[in-house]
N, C-alpha and C. Protein backbone atom coordinates (compact mmCIF):
# COMPACT_ATOMS: atom_id res chain seq x y z
N MET A 1 64.43 -325.58 78.22
CA MET A 1 65.45 -324.57 78.36
C MET A 1 64.99 -323.53 79.37
N LYS A 2 65.87 -323.17 80.29
CA LYS A 2 65.54 -322.22 81.35
C LYS A 2 65.21 -320.84 80.82
N LEU A 3 65.83 -320.45 79.72
CA LEU A 3 65.56 -319.14 79.12
C LEU A 3 64.09 -319.03 78.72
N ILE A 4 63.58 -320.03 78.06
CA ILE A 4 62.19 -320.03 77.63
C ILE A 4 61.26 -319.97 78.83
N ARG A 5 61.59 -320.71 79.86
CA ARG A 5 60.79 -320.70 81.09
C ARG A 5 60.78 -319.31 81.72
N ALA A 6 61.93 -318.63 81.71
CA ALA A 6 62.03 -317.28 82.28
C ALA A 6 61.20 -316.28 81.47
N LEU A 7 61.11 -316.47 80.17
CA LEU A 7 60.37 -315.56 79.31
C LEU A 7 58.86 -315.78 79.34
N MET A 8 58.41 -316.92 79.82
CA MET A 8 56.99 -317.23 79.81
C MET A 8 56.16 -316.24 80.62
N ASP A 9 56.72 -315.69 81.69
CA ASP A 9 56.00 -314.73 82.52
C ASP A 9 56.07 -313.31 81.98
N GLU A 10 56.74 -313.14 80.83
CA GLU A 10 56.90 -311.84 80.19
C GLU A 10 57.40 -310.76 81.17
N PRO A 11 58.57 -311.00 81.77
CA PRO A 11 59.09 -310.04 82.75
C PRO A 11 59.51 -308.73 82.07
N GLU A 12 59.40 -307.63 82.80
CA GLU A 12 59.82 -306.33 82.28
C GLU A 12 61.34 -306.25 82.20
N TYR A 13 62.01 -306.91 83.15
CA TYR A 13 63.48 -306.94 83.20
C TYR A 13 63.94 -308.39 83.20
N LEU A 14 65.01 -308.65 82.48
CA LEU A 14 65.57 -309.99 82.43
C LEU A 14 67.08 -309.88 82.63
N ILE A 15 67.60 -310.60 83.61
CA ILE A 15 69.04 -310.59 83.91
C ILE A 15 69.56 -312.01 83.68
N LEU A 16 70.52 -312.13 82.79
CA LEU A 16 71.07 -313.44 82.42
C LEU A 16 72.58 -313.47 82.64
N ASP A 17 73.07 -314.58 83.14
CA ASP A 17 74.49 -314.77 83.34
C ASP A 17 75.02 -315.71 82.26
N GLU A 18 75.81 -315.16 81.34
CA GLU A 18 76.44 -315.94 80.26
C GLU A 18 75.42 -316.77 79.46
N PRO A 19 74.40 -316.14 78.87
CA PRO A 19 73.40 -316.92 78.13
C PRO A 19 73.93 -317.58 76.86
N PHE A 20 75.10 -317.16 76.37
CA PHE A 20 75.65 -317.72 75.14
C PHE A 20 76.78 -318.72 75.41
N ASP A 21 77.11 -318.94 76.67
CA ASP A 21 78.21 -319.81 77.04
C ASP A 21 77.95 -321.25 76.58
N ALA A 22 78.94 -321.85 75.96
CA ALA A 22 78.93 -323.25 75.52
C ALA A 22 77.92 -323.52 74.40
N LEU A 23 77.49 -322.49 73.67
CA LEU A 23 76.58 -322.69 72.55
C LEU A 23 77.36 -322.64 71.24
N ASP A 24 76.91 -323.43 70.27
CA ASP A 24 77.52 -323.34 68.94
C ASP A 24 76.92 -322.14 68.20
N HIS A 25 77.48 -321.84 67.03
CA HIS A 25 77.07 -320.64 66.28
C HIS A 25 75.56 -320.64 66.00
N LYS A 26 75.02 -321.76 65.59
CA LYS A 26 73.59 -321.86 65.26
C LYS A 26 72.73 -321.59 66.49
N SER A 27 73.13 -322.11 67.62
CA SER A 27 72.38 -321.91 68.86
C SER A 27 72.49 -320.46 69.34
N ILE A 28 73.66 -319.85 69.16
CA ILE A 28 73.83 -318.44 69.52
C ILE A 28 72.86 -317.59 68.71
N GLN A 29 72.74 -317.87 67.42
CA GLN A 29 71.82 -317.12 66.57
C GLN A 29 70.37 -317.29 67.03
N ALA A 30 70.02 -318.50 67.42
CA ALA A 30 68.65 -318.77 67.89
C ALA A 30 68.36 -317.99 69.18
N VAL A 31 69.31 -317.98 70.11
CA VAL A 31 69.12 -317.25 71.36
C VAL A 31 69.06 -315.75 71.08
N LYS A 32 69.88 -315.26 70.19
CA LYS A 32 69.83 -313.84 69.80
C LYS A 32 68.45 -313.45 69.28
N GLU A 33 67.87 -314.31 68.45
CA GLU A 33 66.53 -314.04 67.91
C GLU A 33 65.49 -313.99 69.02
N ILE A 34 65.56 -314.92 69.93
CA ILE A 34 64.62 -314.95 71.06
C ILE A 34 64.75 -313.69 71.89
N LEU A 35 65.98 -313.29 72.18
CA LEU A 35 66.21 -312.10 73.01
C LEU A 35 65.87 -310.82 72.26
N THR A 36 66.08 -310.79 70.95
CA THR A 36 65.69 -309.62 70.16
C THR A 36 64.19 -309.43 70.21
N ASP A 37 63.44 -310.51 70.07
CA ASP A 37 61.98 -310.43 70.19
C ASP A 37 61.57 -309.89 71.56
N TYR A 38 62.25 -310.36 72.59
CA TYR A 38 61.98 -309.89 73.95
C TYR A 38 62.21 -308.38 74.06
N MET A 39 63.31 -307.89 73.52
CA MET A 39 63.67 -306.48 73.67
C MET A 39 62.82 -305.55 72.81
N THR A 40 62.23 -306.04 71.74
CA THR A 40 61.40 -305.17 70.91
C THR A 40 60.10 -304.80 71.61
N SER A 41 59.83 -305.43 72.72
CA SER A 41 58.62 -305.13 73.49
C SER A 41 58.89 -304.12 74.60
N GLU A 42 59.88 -303.23 74.38
CA GLU A 42 60.21 -302.18 75.37
C GLU A 42 60.60 -302.77 76.73
N ARG A 43 61.31 -303.88 76.70
CA ARG A 43 61.77 -304.52 77.93
C ARG A 43 63.29 -304.37 78.04
N THR A 44 63.79 -304.60 79.23
CA THR A 44 65.22 -304.42 79.49
C THR A 44 65.90 -305.76 79.70
N LEU A 45 67.02 -305.94 79.02
CA LEU A 45 67.83 -307.15 79.14
C LEU A 45 69.21 -306.75 79.62
N LEU A 46 69.67 -307.40 80.66
CA LEU A 46 71.03 -307.22 81.18
C LEU A 46 71.66 -308.60 81.19
N PHE A 47 72.83 -308.73 80.54
CA PHE A 47 73.49 -310.03 80.55
C PHE A 47 75.00 -309.88 80.63
N THR A 48 75.62 -310.89 81.22
CA THR A 48 77.08 -310.95 81.26
C THR A 48 77.55 -311.79 80.08
N ASN A 49 78.77 -311.53 79.66
CA ASN A 49 79.26 -312.22 78.48
C ASN A 49 80.78 -312.09 78.39
N HIS A 50 81.43 -313.09 77.87
CA HIS A 50 82.86 -312.99 77.63
C HIS A 50 83.20 -313.19 76.15
N ILE A 51 82.19 -313.36 75.31
CA ILE A 51 82.38 -313.55 73.88
C ILE A 51 82.30 -312.17 73.21
N GLU A 52 83.42 -311.66 72.75
CA GLU A 52 83.47 -310.29 72.23
C GLU A 52 82.56 -310.06 71.03
N SER A 53 82.37 -311.06 70.20
CA SER A 53 81.53 -310.88 69.01
C SER A 53 80.06 -310.64 69.36
N ILE A 54 79.65 -310.97 70.55
CA ILE A 54 78.27 -310.75 70.99
C ILE A 54 78.05 -309.27 71.32
N ASN A 55 79.11 -308.51 71.54
CA ASN A 55 78.97 -307.11 71.92
C ASN A 55 78.15 -306.30 70.92
N ASP A 56 78.17 -306.66 69.64
CA ASP A 56 77.38 -305.95 68.64
C ASP A 56 75.88 -306.11 68.88
N PHE A 57 75.51 -307.12 69.61
CA PHE A 57 74.11 -307.40 69.92
C PHE A 57 73.56 -306.43 70.98
N ALA A 58 74.45 -305.85 71.77
CA ALA A 58 74.04 -305.02 72.90
C ALA A 58 73.98 -303.54 72.52
N ASP A 59 73.06 -302.82 73.17
CA ASP A 59 72.97 -301.36 72.99
C ASP A 59 74.11 -300.66 73.73
N GLU A 60 74.44 -301.18 74.89
CA GLU A 60 75.53 -300.63 75.70
C GLU A 60 76.42 -301.78 76.16
N VAL A 61 77.73 -301.52 76.21
CA VAL A 61 78.69 -302.54 76.63
C VAL A 61 79.57 -301.97 77.72
N TYR A 62 79.71 -302.72 78.81
CA TYR A 62 80.56 -302.33 79.93
C TYR A 62 81.57 -303.44 80.18
N GLU A 63 82.69 -303.07 80.74
CA GLU A 63 83.74 -304.03 81.08
C GLU A 63 84.03 -303.94 82.57
N ILE A 64 84.13 -305.09 83.19
CA ILE A 64 84.52 -305.15 84.60
C ILE A 64 85.98 -305.56 84.64
N ASP A 65 86.80 -304.72 85.27
CA ASP A 65 88.23 -305.00 85.37
C ASP A 65 88.73 -304.51 86.72
N ASP A 66 89.25 -305.41 87.49
CA ASP A 66 89.82 -305.06 88.79
C ASP A 66 88.84 -304.26 89.65
N LEU A 67 87.62 -304.78 89.77
CA LEU A 67 86.55 -304.18 90.57
C LEU A 67 86.09 -302.82 90.05
N SER A 68 86.38 -302.52 88.80
CA SER A 68 85.98 -301.26 88.19
C SER A 68 85.07 -301.54 86.98
N LEU A 69 84.01 -300.74 86.86
CA LEU A 69 83.08 -300.87 85.76
C LEU A 69 83.30 -299.69 84.79
N THR A 70 83.60 -300.02 83.52
CA THR A 70 83.91 -299.00 82.53
C THR A 70 83.00 -299.19 81.32
N ARG A 71 82.38 -298.10 80.87
CA ARG A 71 81.54 -298.18 79.67
C ARG A 71 82.46 -298.22 78.44
N ILE A 72 82.26 -299.22 77.61
CA ILE A 72 83.04 -299.42 76.39
C ILE A 72 82.31 -298.79 75.22
N ARG A 73 81.01 -298.96 75.18
CA ARG A 73 80.20 -298.44 74.09
C ARG A 73 78.79 -298.22 74.59
């Protein structure tokens, strides 16, 4: 899995494009656990997402609409 490979170098910042796309519920939970462990080490995670239920996982949520970026939470 590319996510695991990206985490092996223990980067300070991690930018992911749709990391939960095409995953079933069990796999989404597994990825959430991996990313939670990553973030507890004072690291920054930025990811794009279109699954609204994932928004609770994020500290801050922004929406892109018509070339405009708006903070939702």
